[in-house]
Amino acid sequence: MEAFARLTSNGRVTIPVAVRNALGIRPGDDVHFRVEEGVVLLARTVEALESAGSMNLPSHEAPRS
């Protein structure tokens, strides 16, 4: 499946309805973004957590000031 969207000046992208439907994403759901070799992968957070052992997730350190 392919879908296209435009980035707003606020850095927001609306996930196309076909993609939301394919992933079962509903308003209020959390999603996980991962960038690999210049490609962004998007998953429902529940599915991302289920496969967390197979993902190299960044550490959750507090930002330094």
C-alpha atoms as a PDB file:
ATOM      1  CA  MET A   1       0.000   0.000   0.000  1.00  0.00           C
ATOM      2  CA  GLU A   2       1.156   3.530  -0.718  1.00  0.00           C
ATOM      3  CA  ALA A   3      -0.279   6.737   0.640  1.00  0.00           C
ATOM      4  CA  PHE A   4       0.853  10.338   0.598  1.00  0.00           C
ATOM      5  CA  ALA A   5       0.493  13.212   3.045  1.00  0.00           C
ATOM      6  CA  ARG A   6       1.862  16.712   3.455  1.00  0.00           C
ATOM      7  CA  LEU A   7       3.854  18.000   6.420  1.00  0.00           C
ATOM      8  CA  THR A   8       2.364  21.176   7.903  1.00  0.00           C
ATOM      9  CA  SER A   9       4.388  24.151   9.106  1.00  0.00           C
ATOM     10  CA  ASN A  10       3.780  22.825  12.641  1.00  0.00           C
ATOM     11  CA  GLY A  11       5.461  19.508  11.780  1.00  0.00           C
ATOM     12  CA  ARG A  12       2.200  17.568  11.679  1.00  0.00           C
ATOM     13  CA  VAL A  13       1.128  14.899   9.219  1.00  0.00           C
ATOM     14  CA  THR A  14      -2.361  13.450   8.966  1.00  0.00           C
ATOM     15  CA  ILE A  15      -2.139   9.681   8.654  1.00  0.00           C
ATOM     16  CA  PRO A  16      -4.262   8.815   5.614  1.00  0.00           C
ATOM     17  CA  VAL A  17      -7.490   6.957   6.390  1.00  0.00           C
ATOM     18  CA  ALA A  18      -6.395   3.894   4.368  1.00  0.00           C
ATOM     19  CA  VAL A  19      -3.249   3.594   6.509  1.00  0.00           C
ATOM     20  CA  ARG A  20      -5.200   4.122   9.752  1.00  0.00           C
ATOM     21  CA  ASN A  21      -7.652   1.429   8.719  1.00  0.00           C
ATOM     22  CA  ALA A  22      -4.901  -0.999   7.693  1.00  0.00           C
ATOM     23  CA  LEU A  23      -3.159  -0.576  11.067  1.00  0.00           C
ATOM     24  CA  GLY A  24      -6.338  -0.386  13.127  1.00  0.00           C
ATOM     25  CA  ILE A  25      -5.366   3.045  14.460  1.00  0.00           C
ATOM     26  CA  ARG A  26      -8.149   5.039  16.086  1.00  0.00           C
ATOM     27  CA  PRO A  27      -8.252   8.532  17.634  1.00  0.00           C
ATOM     28  CA  GLY A  28      -6.401   8.514  20.948  1.00  0.00           C
ATOM     29  CA  ASP A  29      -4.168   5.535  20.051  1.00  0.00           C
ATOM     30  CA  ASP A  30      -0.423   5.872  20.525  1.00  0.00           C
ATOM     31  CA  VAL A  31       1.906   5.080  17.630  1.00  0.00           C
ATOM     32  CA  HIS A  32       5.602   4.266  17.393  1.00  0.00           C
ATOM     33  CA  PHE A  33       7.904   5.760  14.750  1.00  0.00           C
ATOM     34  CA  ARG A  34      11.209   4.181  13.797  1.00  0.00           C
ATOM     35  CA  VAL A  35      13.632   5.387  11.122  1.00  0.00           C
ATOM     36  CA  GLU A  36      15.713   2.799   9.280  1.00  0.00           C
ATOM     37  CA  GLU A  37      17.964   3.707   6.390  1.00  0.00           C
ATOM     38  CA  GLY A  38      15.955   6.818   5.521  1.00  0.00           C
ATOM     39  CA  VAL A  39      12.575   5.067   5.773  1.00  0.00           C
ATOM     40  CA  VAL A  40      10.024   5.754   8.519  1.00  0.00           C
ATOM     41  CA  LEU A  41       8.170   2.776   9.968  1.00  0.00           C
ATOM     42  CA  LEU A  42       4.915   3.387  11.807  1.00  0.00           C
ATOM     43  CA  ALA A  43       3.238   0.875  14.123  1.00  0.00           C
ATOM     44  CA  ARG A  44       0.501   0.884  16.721  1.00  0.00           C
ATOM     45  CA  THR A  45       2.250   1.132  20.093  1.00  0.00           C
ATOM     46  CA  VAL A  46       0.723  -2.168  21.266  1.00  0.00           C
ATOM     47  CA  GLU A  47       2.219  -3.985  18.270  1.00  0.00           C
ATOM     48  CA  ALA A  48       5.533  -2.172  18.698  1.00  0.00           C
ATOM     49  CA  LEU A  49       5.728  -3.247  22.341  1.00  0.00           C
ATOM     50  CA  GLU A  50       4.884  -6.854  21.471  1.00  0.00           C
ATOM     51  CA  SER A  51       7.867  -6.988  19.113  1.00  0.00           C
ATOM     52  CA  ALA A  52      10.143  -4.856  21.317  1.00  0.00           C
ATOM     53  CA  GLY A  53      12.616  -7.681  21.725  1.00  0.00           C
ATOM     54  CA  SER A  54      13.307  -7.605  18.001  1.00  0.00           C
ATOM     55  CA  MET A  55      13.640  -3.800  17.785  1.00  0.00           C
ATOM     56  CA  ASN A  56      16.592  -1.617  18.671  1.00  0.00           C
ATOM     57  CA  LEU A  57      14.691   1.041  20.618  1.00  0.00           C
ATOM     58  CA  PRO A  58      16.417   4.197  21.850  1.00  0.00           C
ATOM     59  CA  SER A  59      16.998   4.509  25.578  1.00  0.00           C
ATOM     60  CA  HIS A  60      14.479   6.575  27.506  1.00  0.00           C
ATOM     61  CA  GLU A  61      16.962   8.917  29.166  1.00  0.00           C
ATOM     62  CA  ALA A  62      15.762  12.327  30.262  1.00  0.00           C
ATOM     63  CA  PRO A  63      16.872  15.130  27.938  1.00  0.00           C
ATOM     64  CA  ARG A  64      19.897  17.053  29.161  1.00  0.00           C
ATOM     65  CA  SER A  65      19.706  20.807  29.479  1.00  0.00           C
END
